[in-house]
Amino acid sequence: MIYITSDKERCILLATYLVEHKATVRATAAQFGISKSTVHKDVTHTLRYVNRGLYKEVKEVLDRNKNERHLRGGEATRRKYMAGNQ
């Protein structure tokens, strides 16, 4: 759980983590112990007005994650069925 004095500080902290680790919103939320909705709102809505440059970097990571999510889902399903057949 994180305790930050302002929403601006929190959105910058979350965005920095997301960009540095090329993480998903879900992974970022788990790391900080907050909801996916909060992370998503902070890095897409609030960050746009707080730090425009960081917002653009986050947008690139989120777009990449969106384009690759079908691959991650397919891999997770494959592992699930491989574990059940052994």
PDB file of N, CA and C in Angstrom:
ATOM      1  N   MET A   1       0.844  -1.167   0.000  1.00  0.00           N
ATOM      2  CA  MET A   1       0.000   0.000   0.000  1.00  0.00           C
ATOM      3  C   MET A   1       0.891   1.231   0.000  1.00  0.00           C
ATOM      4  N   ILE A   2       0.564   2.196  -0.845  1.00  0.00           N
ATOM      5  CA  ILE A   2       1.357   3.421  -0.885  1.00  0.00           C
ATOM      6  C   ILE A   2       0.587   4.555  -0.245  1.00  0.00           C
ATOM      7  N   TYR A   3       1.320   5.407   0.414  1.00  0.00           N
ATOM      8  CA  TYR A   3       0.722   6.580   1.032  1.00  0.00           C
ATOM      9  C   TYR A   3       1.389   7.806   0.451  1.00  0.00           C
ATOM     10  N   ILE A   4       0.708   8.462  -0.447  1.00  0.00           N
ATOM     11  CA  ILE A   4       1.217   9.639  -1.137  1.00  0.00           C
ATOM     12  C   ILE A   4       0.336  10.818  -0.754  1.00  0.00           C
ATOM     13  N   THR A   5       0.947  11.981  -0.630  1.00  0.00           N
ATOM     14  CA  THR A   5       0.188  13.135  -0.168  1.00  0.00           C
ATOM     15  C   THR A   5      -0.729  13.718  -1.239  1.00  0.00           C
ATOM     16  N   SER A   6      -0.430  13.482  -2.514  1.00  0.00           N
ATOM     17  CA  SER A   6      -1.304  14.044  -3.544  1.00  0.00           C
ATOM     18  C   SER A   6      -1.482  13.074  -4.700  1.00  0.00           C
ATOM     19  N   ASP A   7      -2.564  13.277  -5.439  1.00  0.00           N
ATOM     20  CA  ASP A   7      -2.833  12.454  -6.620  1.00  0.00           C
ATOM     21  C   ASP A   7      -1.774  12.669  -7.686  1.00  0.00           C
ATOM     22  N   LYS A   8      -1.235  13.881  -7.763  1.00  0.00           N
ATOM     23  CA  LYS A   8      -0.207  14.178  -8.760  1.00  0.00           C
ATOM     24  C   LYS A   8       1.050  13.364  -8.499  1.00  0.00           C
ATOM     25  N   GLU A   9       1.462  13.288  -7.243  1.00  0.00           N
ATOM     26  CA  GLU A   9       2.641  12.495  -6.896  1.00  0.00           C
ATOM     27  C   GLU A   9       2.407  11.022  -7.216  1.00  0.00           C
ATOM     28  N   ARG A  10       1.219  10.536  -6.883  1.00  0.00           N
ATOM     29  CA  ARG A  10       0.903   9.129  -7.120  1.00  0.00           C
ATOM     30  C   ARG A  10       0.916   8.810  -8.609  1.00  0.00           C
ATOM     31  N   CYS A  11       0.342   9.662  -9.432  1.00  0.00           N
ATOM     32  CA  CYS A  11       0.285   9.352 -10.860  1.00  0.00           C
ATOM     33  C   CYS A  11       1.679   9.374 -11.476  1.00  0.00           C
ATOM     34  N   ILE A  12       2.553  10.256 -11.012  1.00  0.00           N
ATOM     35  CA  ILE A  12       3.925  10.279 -11.521  1.00  0.00           C
ATOM     36  C   ILE A  12       4.674   9.027 -11.073  1.00  0.00           C
ATOM     37  N   LEU A  13       4.499   8.623  -9.828  1.00  0.00           N
ATOM     38  CA  LEU A  13       5.141   7.414  -9.314  1.00  0.00           C
ATOM     39  C   LEU A  13       4.688   6.179 -10.096  1.00  0.00           C
ATOM     40  N   LEU A  14       3.394   6.046 -10.307  1.00  0.00           N
ATOM     41  CA  LEU A  14       2.855   4.898 -11.045  1.00  0.00           C
ATOM     42  C   LEU A  14       3.339   4.897 -12.496  1.00  0.00           C
ATOM     43  N   ALA A  15       3.310   6.058 -13.116  1.00  0.00           N
ATOM     44  CA  ALA A  15       3.727   6.162 -14.519  1.00  0.00           C
ATOM     45  C   ALA A  15       5.205   5.841 -14.682  1.00  0.00           C
ATOM     46  N   THR A  16       6.016   6.319 -13.765  1.00  0.00           N
ATOM     47  CA  THR A  16       7.455   6.045 -13.819  1.00  0.00           C
ATOM     48  C   THR A  16       7.716   4.546 -13.700  1.00  0.00           C
ATOM     49  N   TYR A  17       7.042   3.897 -12.769  1.00  0.00           N
ATOM     50  CA  TYR A  17       7.193   2.448 -12.614  1.00  0.00           C
ATOM     51  C   TYR A  17       6.762   1.725 -13.888  1.00  0.00           C
ATOM     52  N   LEU A  18       5.621   2.107 -14.426  1.00  0.00           N
ATOM     53  CA  LEU A  18       5.073   1.458 -15.610  1.00  0.00           C
ATOM     54  C   LEU A  18       6.042   1.566 -16.783  1.00  0.00           C
ATOM     55  N   VAL A  19       6.627   2.743 -16.985  1.00  0.00           N
ATOM     56  CA  VAL A  19       7.546   2.950 -18.107  1.00  0.00           C
ATOM     57  C   VAL A  19       8.867   2.227 -17.873  1.00  0.00           C
ATOM     58  N   GLU A  20       9.437   2.351 -16.677  1.00  0.00           N
ATOM     59  CA  GLU A  20      10.738   1.735 -16.402  1.00  0.00           C
ATOM     60  C   GLU A  20      10.701   0.215 -16.505  1.00  0.00           C
ATOM     61  N   HIS A  21       9.606  -0.383 -16.072  1.00  0.00           N
ATOM     62  CA  HIS A  21       9.502  -1.837 -16.084  1.00  0.00           C
ATOM     63  C   HIS A  21       8.716  -2.372 -17.276  1.00  0.00           C
ATOM     64  N   LYS A  22       8.235  -1.475 -18.128  1.00  0.00           N
ATOM     65  CA  LYS A  22       7.389  -1.865 -19.270  1.00  0.00           C
ATOM     66  C   LYS A  22       6.268  -2.777 -18.777  1.00  0.00           C
ATOM     67  N   ALA A  23       5.686  -2.388 -17.651  1.00  0.00           N
ATOM     68  CA  ALA A  23       4.702  -3.211 -16.956  1.00  0.00           C
ATOM     69  C   ALA A  23       3.298  -2.984 -17.497  1.00  0.00           C
ATOM     70  N   THR A  24       2.428  -3.902 -17.171  1.00  0.00           N
ATOM     71  CA  THR A  24       1.015  -3.747 -17.485  1.00  0.00           C
ATOM     72  C   THR A  24       0.351  -2.972 -16.348  1.00  0.00           C
ATOM     73  N   VAL A  25      -0.868  -2.514 -16.589  1.00  0.00           N
ATOM     74  CA  VAL A  25      -1.628  -1.827 -15.544  1.00  0.00           C
ATOM     75  C   VAL A  25      -1.864  -2.784 -14.382  1.00  0.00           C
ATOM     76  N   ARG A  26      -2.165  -4.037 -14.686  1.00  0.00           N
ATOM     77  CA  ARG A  26      -2.417  -5.041 -13.648  1.00  0.00           C
ATOM     78  C   ARG A  26      -1.175  -5.273 -12.788  1.00  0.00           C
ATOM     79  N   ALA A  27      -0.013  -5.394 -13.416  1.00  0.00           N
ATOM     80  CA  ALA A  27       1.233  -5.608 -12.674  1.00  0.00           C
ATOM     81  C   ALA A  27       1.581  -4.390 -11.821  1.00  0.00           C
ATOM     82  N   THR A  28       1.348  -3.208 -12.351  1.00  0.00           N
ATOM     83  CA  THR A  28       1.617  -1.978 -11.603  1.00  0.00           C
ATOM     84  C   THR A  28       0.696  -1.887 -10.397  1.00  0.00           C
ATOM     85  N   ALA A  29      -0.564  -2.212 -10.586  1.00  0.00           N
ATOM     86  CA  ALA A  29      -1.522  -2.180  -9.476  1.00  0.00           C
ATOM     87  C   ALA A  29      -1.120  -3.171  -8.393  1.00  0.00           C
ATOM     88  N   ALA A  30      -0.704  -4.349  -8.784  1.00  0.00           N
ATOM     89  CA  ALA A  30      -0.290  -5.359  -7.809  1.00  0.00           C
ATOM     90  C   ALA A  30       0.950  -4.904  -7.042  1.00  0.00           C
ATOM     91  N   GLN A  31       1.883  -4.292  -7.733  1.00  0.00           N
ATOM     92  CA  GLN A  31       3.117  -3.821  -7.102  1.00  0.00           C
ATOM     93  C   GLN A  31       2.837  -2.791  -6.003  1.00  0.00           C
ATOM     94  N   PHE A  32       1.872  -1.898  -6.244  1.00  0.00           N
ATOM     95  CA  PHE A  32       1.599  -0.818  -5.302  1.00  0.00           C
ATOM     96  C   PHE A  32       0.403  -1.094  -4.395  1.00  0.00           C
ATOM     97  N   GLY A  33      -0.273  -2.208  -4.599  1.00  0.00           N
ATOM     98  CA  GLY A  33      -1.387  -2.578  -3.732  1.00  0.00           C
ATOM     99  C   GLY A  33      -2.604  -1.689  -3.893  1.00  0.00           C
ATOM    100  N   ILE A  34      -2.853  -1.245  -5.121  1.00  0.00           N
ATOM    101  CA  ILE A  34      -4.036  -0.428  -5.402  1.00  0.00           C
ATOM    102  C   ILE A  34      -4.785  -1.051  -6.575  1.00  0.00           C
ATOM    103  N   SER A  35      -5.956  -0.527  -6.879  1.00  0.00           N
ATOM    104  CA  SER A  35      -6.779  -1.146  -7.915  1.00  0.00           C
ATOM    105  C   SER A  35      -6.296  -0.790  -9.322  1.00  0.00           C
ATOM    106  N   LYS A  36      -6.635  -1.659 -10.275  1.00  0.00           N
ATOM    107  CA  LYS A  36      -6.302  -1.414 -11.672  1.00  0.00           C
ATOM    108  C   LYS A  36      -6.982  -0.142 -12.163  1.00  0.00           C
ATOM    109  N   SER A  37      -8.196   0.094 -11.688  1.00  0.00           N
ATOM    110  CA  SER A  37      -8.933   1.282 -12.098  1.00  0.00           C
ATOM    111  C   SER A  37      -8.217   2.556 -11.684  1.00  0.00           C
ATOM    112  N   THR A  38      -7.667   2.559 -10.483  1.00  0.00           N
ATOM    113  CA  THR A  38      -6.936   3.730  -9.997  1.00  0.00           C
ATOM    114  C   THR A  38      -5.687   3.959 -10.824  1.00  0.00           C
ATOM    115  N   VAL A  39      -4.938   2.886 -11.092  1.00  0.00           N
ATOM    116  CA  VAL A  39      -3.731   3.018 -11.905  1.00  0.00           C
ATOM    117  C   VAL A  39      -4.091   3.550 -13.285  1.00  0.00           C
ATOM    118  N   HIS A  40      -5.085   2.953 -13.908  1.00  0.00           N
ATOM    119  CA  HIS A  40      -5.455   3.356 -15.262  1.00  0.00           C
ATOM    120  C   HIS A  40      -5.900   4.816 -15.302  1.00  0.00           C
ATOM    121  N   LYS A  41      -6.718   5.226 -14.365  1.00  0.00           N
ATOM    122  CA  LYS A  41      -7.190   6.613 -14.337  1.00  0.00           C
ATOM    123  C   LYS A  41      -6.023   7.572 -14.107  1.00  0.00           C
ATOM    124  N   ASP A  42      -5.120   7.212 -13.197  1.00  0.00           N
ATOM    125  CA  ASP A  42      -3.974   8.078 -12.920  1.00  0.00           C
ATOM    126  C   ASP A  42      -3.062   8.236 -14.127  1.00  0.00           C
ATOM    127  N   VAL A  43      -2.745   7.133 -14.809  1.00  0.00           N
ATOM    128  CA  VAL A  43      -1.766   7.211 -15.895  1.00  0.00           C
ATOM    129  C   VAL A  43      -2.363   7.638 -17.232  1.00  0.00           C
ATOM    130  N   THR A  44      -3.676   7.656 -17.342  1.00  0.00           N
ATOM    131  CA  THR A  44      -4.263   8.107 -18.596  1.00  0.00           C
ATOM    132  C   THR A  44      -4.918   9.488 -18.471  1.00  0.00           C
ATOM    133  N   HIS A  45      -5.655   9.718 -17.414  1.00  0.00           N
ATOM    134  CA  HIS A  45      -6.377  10.986 -17.282  1.00  0.00           C
ATOM    135  C   HIS A  45      -5.585  12.036 -16.513  1.00  0.00           C
ATOM    136  N   THR A  46      -5.212  11.738 -15.301  1.00  0.00           N
ATOM    137  CA  THR A  46      -4.542  12.716 -14.447  1.00  0.00           C
ATOM    138  C   THR A  46      -3.169  13.087 -14.996  1.00  0.00           C
ATOM    139  N   LEU A  47      -2.405  12.100 -15.422  1.00  0.00           N
ATOM    140  CA  LEU A  47      -1.040  12.337 -15.888  1.00  0.00           C
ATOM    141  C   LEU A  47      -1.002  13.263 -17.099  1.00  0.00           C
ATOM    142  N   ARG A  48      -2.010  13.229 -17.915  1.00  0.00           N
ATOM    143  CA  ARG A  48      -2.061  14.078 -19.112  1.00  0.00           C
ATOM    144  C   ARG A  48      -1.894  15.552 -18.747  1.00  0.00           C
ATOM    145  N   TYR A  49      -2.415  15.955 -17.614  1.00  0.00           N
ATOM    146  CA  TYR A  49      -2.356  17.352 -17.197  1.00  0.00           C
ATOM    147  C   TYR A  49      -1.167  17.654 -16.289  1.00  0.00           C
ATOM    148  N   VAL A  50      -0.570  16.606 -15.725  1.00  0.00           N
ATOM    149  CA  VAL A  50       0.528  16.793 -14.776  1.00  0.00           C
ATOM    150  C   VAL A  50       1.880  16.789 -15.483  1.00  0.00           C
ATOM    151  N   ASN A  51       2.104  15.808 -16.369  1.00  0.00           N
ATOM    152  CA  ASN A  51       3.405  15.664 -17.027  1.00  0.00           C
ATOM    153  C   ASN A  51       3.178  15.109 -18.425  1.00  0.00           C
ATOM    154  N   ARG A  52       3.109  15.985 -19.409  1.00  0.00           N
ATOM    155  CA  ARG A  52       2.762  15.603 -20.780  1.00  0.00           C
ATOM    156  C   ARG A  52       3.794  14.648 -21.398  1.00  0.00           C
ATOM    157  N   GLY A  53       5.075  14.866 -21.137  1.00  0.00           N
ATOM    158  CA  GLY A  53       6.113  13.998 -21.702  1.00  0.00           C
ATOM    159  C   GLY A  53       6.021  12.577 -21.177  1.00  0.00           C
ATOM    160  N   LEU A  54       5.853  12.444 -19.877  1.00  0.00           N
ATOM    161  CA  LEU A  54       5.712  11.117 -19.264  1.00  0.00           C
ATOM    162  C   LEU A  54       4.428  10.448 -19.740  1.00  0.00           C
ATOM    163  N   TYR A  55       3.386  11.246 -19.934  1.00  0.00           N
ATOM    164  CA  TYR A  55       2.114  10.719 -20.435  1.00  0.00           C
ATOM    165  C   TYR A  55       2.312  10.052 -21.800  1.00  0.00           C
ATOM    166  N   LYS A  56       3.102  10.685 -22.675  1.00  0.00           N
ATOM    167  CA  LYS A  56       3.344  10.113 -24.006  1.00  0.00           C
ATOM    168  C   LYS A  56       4.107   8.801 -23.914  1.00  0.00           C
ATOM    169  N   GLU A  57       5.073   8.715 -22.982  1.00  0.00           N
ATOM    170  CA  GLU A  57       5.815   7.465 -22.793  1.00  0.00           C
ATOM    171  C   GLU A  57       4.889   6.355 -22.294  1.00  0.00           C
ATOM    172  N   VAL A  58       4.023   6.694 -21.354  1.00  0.00           N
ATOM    173  CA  VAL A  58       3.076   5.714 -20.810  1.00  0.00           C
ATOM    174  C   VAL A  58       2.129   5.241 -21.904  1.00  0.00           C
ATOM    175  N   LYS A  59       1.675   6.159 -22.723  1.00  0.00           N
ATOM    176  CA  LYS A  59       0.754   5.809 -23.807  1.00  0.00           C
ATOM    177  C   LYS A  59       1.398   4.788 -24.748  1.00  0.00           C
ATOM    178  N   GLU A  60       2.697   4.959 -25.031  1.00  0.00           N
ATOM    179  CA  GLU A  60       3.392   4.001 -25.893  1.00  0.00           C
ATOM    180  C   GLU A  60       3.426   2.611 -25.255  1.00  0.00           C
ATOM    181  N   VAL A  61       3.713   2.552 -23.971  1.00  0.00           N
ATOM    182  CA  VAL A  61       3.762   1.258 -23.270  1.00  0.00           C
ATOM    183  C   VAL A  61       2.373   0.625 -23.249  1.00  0.00           C
ATOM    184  N   LEU A  62       1.346   1.418 -22.946  1.00  0.00           N
ATOM    185  CA  LEU A  62      -0.019   0.880 -22.899  1.00  0.00           C
ATOM    186  C   LEU A  62      -0.480   0.403 -24.271  1.00  0.00           C
ATOM    187  N   ASP A  63      -0.123   1.137 -25.314  1.00  0.00           N
ATOM    188  CA  ASP A  63      -0.486   0.713 -26.671  1.00  0.00           C
ATOM    189  C   ASP A  63       0.211  -0.593 -27.036  1.00  0.00           C
ATOM    190  N   ARG A  64       1.497  -0.722 -26.668  1.00  0.00           N
ATOM    191  CA  ARG A  64       2.226  -1.966 -26.934  1.00  0.00           C
ATOM    192  C   ARG A  64       1.582  -3.127 -26.189  1.00  0.00           C
ATOM    193  N   ASN A  65       1.234  -2.897 -24.906  1.00  0.00           N
ATOM    194  CA  ASN A  65       0.587  -3.944 -24.115  1.00  0.00           C
ATOM    195  C   ASN A  65      -0.738  -4.358 -24.735  1.00  0.00           C
ATOM    196  N   LYS A  66      -1.485  -3.385 -25.232  1.00  0.00           N
ATOM    197  CA  LYS A  66      -2.779  -3.699 -25.842  1.00  0.00           C
ATOM    198  C   LYS A  66      -2.593  -4.539 -27.106  1.00  0.00           C
ATOM    199  N   ASN A  67      -1.575  -4.212 -27.879  1.00  0.00           N
ATOM    200  CA  ASN A  67      -1.321  -4.971 -29.107  1.00  0.00           C
ATOM    201  C   ASN A  67      -0.809  -6.380 -28.834  1.00  0.00           C
ATOM    202  N   GLU A  68      -0.195  -6.600 -27.686  1.00  0.00           N
ATOM    203  CA  GLU A  68       0.378  -7.908 -27.367  1.00  0.00           C
ATOM    204  C   GLU A  68      -0.501  -8.759 -26.451  1.00  0.00           C
ATOM    205  N   ARG A  69      -1.604  -8.230 -25.983  1.00  0.00           N
ATOM    206  CA  ARG A  69      -2.360  -8.960 -24.967  1.00  0.00           C
ATOM    207  C   ARG A  69      -2.909 -10.295 -25.466  1.00  0.00           C
ATOM    208  N   HIS A  70      -3.247 -10.391 -26.732  1.00  0.00           N
ATOM    209  CA  HIS A  70      -3.742 -11.672 -27.239  1.00  0.00           C
ATOM    210  C   HIS A  70      -2.645 -12.735 -27.197  1.00  0.00           C
ATOM    211  N   LEU A  71      -1.398 -12.309 -27.335  1.00  0.00           N
ATOM    212  CA  LEU A  71      -0.287 -13.266 -27.248  1.00  0.00           C
ATOM    213  C   LEU A  71      -0.094 -13.748 -25.811  1.00  0.00           C
ATOM    214  N   ARG A  72      -0.169 -12.830 -24.846  1.00  0.00           N
ATOM    215  CA  ARG A  72      -0.026 -13.212 -23.441  1.00  0.00           C
ATOM    216  C   ARG A  72      -1.174 -14.125 -23.016  1.00  0.00           C
ATOM    217  N   GLY A  73      -2.377 -13.839 -23.481  1.00  0.00           N
ATOM    218  CA  GLY A  73      -3.530 -14.669 -23.136  1.00  0.00           C
ATOM    219  C   GLY A  73      -3.414 -16.057 -23.717  1.00  0.00           C
ATOM    220  N   GLY A  74      -2.947 -16.150 -24.957  1.00  0.00           N
ATOM    221  CA  GLY A  74      -2.759 -17.449 -25.595  1.00  0.00           C
ATOM    222  C   GLY A  74      -1.701 -18.269 -24.891  1.00  0.00           C
ATOM    223  N   GLU A  75      -0.628 -17.619 -24.458  1.00  0.00           N
ATOM    224  CA  GLU A  75       0.443 -18.313 -23.744  1.00  0.00           C
ATOM    225  C   GLU A  75      -0.046 -18.812 -22.388  1.00  0.00           C
ATOM    226  N   ALA A  76      -0.842 -18.007 -21.707  1.00  0.00           N
ATOM    227  CA  ALA A  76      -1.379 -18.413 -20.404  1.00  0.00           C
ATOM    228  C   ALA A  76      -2.296 -19.633 -20.563  1.00  0.00           C
ATOM    229  N   THR A  77      -3.099 -19.635 -21.600  1.00  0.00           N
ATOM    230  CA  THR A  77      -3.994 -20.772 -21.850  1.00  0.00           C
ATOM    231  C   THR A  77      -3.182 -22.028 -22.178  1.00  0.00           C
ATOM    232  N   ARG A  78      -2.140 -21.875 -22.971  1.00  0.00           N
ATOM    233  CA  ARG A  78      -1.293 -23.017 -23.318  1.00  0.00           C
ATOM    234  C   ARG A  78      -0.648 -23.613 -22.063  1.00  0.00           C
ATOM    235  N   ARG A  79      -0.124 -22.759 -21.195  1.00  0.00           N
ATOM    236  CA  ARG A  79       0.494 -23.241 -19.954  1.00  0.00           C
ATOM    237  C   ARG A  79      -0.531 -23.933 -19.064  1.00  0.00           C
ATOM    238  N   LYS A  80      -1.734 -23.400 -19.034  1.00  0.00           N
ATOM    239  CA  LYS A  80      -2.792 -23.991 -18.204  1.00  0.00           C
ATOM    240  C   LYS A  80      -3.102 -25.418 -18.658  1.00  0.00           C
ATOM    241  N   TYR A  81      -3.236 -25.601 -19.951  1.00  0.00           N
ATOM    242  CA  TYR A  81      -3.573 -26.937 -20.448  1.00  0.00           C
ATOM    243  C   TYR A  81      -2.387 -27.887 -20.412  1.00  0.00           C
ATOM    244  N   MET A  82      -1.177 -27.379 -20.562  1.00  0.00           N
ATOM    245  CA  MET A  82       0.010 -28.220 -20.442  1.00  0.00           C
ATOM    246  C   MET A  82       0.174 -28.709 -19.011  1.00  0.00           C
ATOM    247  N   ALA A  83      -0.122 -27.880 -18.051  1.00  0.00           N
ATOM    248  CA  ALA A  83       0.007 -28.268 -16.641  1.00  0.00           C
ATOM    249  C   ALA A  83      -1.059 -29.306 -16.289  1.00  0.00           C
ATOM    250  N   GLY A  84      -2.216 -29.232 -16.885  1.00  0.00           N
ATOM    251  CA  GLY A  84      -3.289 -30.180 -16.592  1.00  0.00           C
ATOM    252  C   GLY A  84      -3.092 -31.540 -17.235  1.00  0.00           C
ATOM    253  N   ASN A  85      -2.327 -31.624 -18.312  1.00  0.00           N
ATOM    254  CA  ASN A  85      -2.138 -32.875 -19.034  1.00  0.00           C
ATOM    255  C   ASN A  85      -0.960 -33.697 -18.536  1.00  0.00           C
ATOM    256  N   GLN A  86      -0.211 -33.180 -17.584  1.00  0.00           N
ATOM    257  CA  GLN A  86       0.982 -33.922 -17.135  1.00  0.00           C
ATOM    258  C   GLN A  86       0.765 -34.590 -15.828  1.00  0.00           C
TER     259      GLN A  86
END
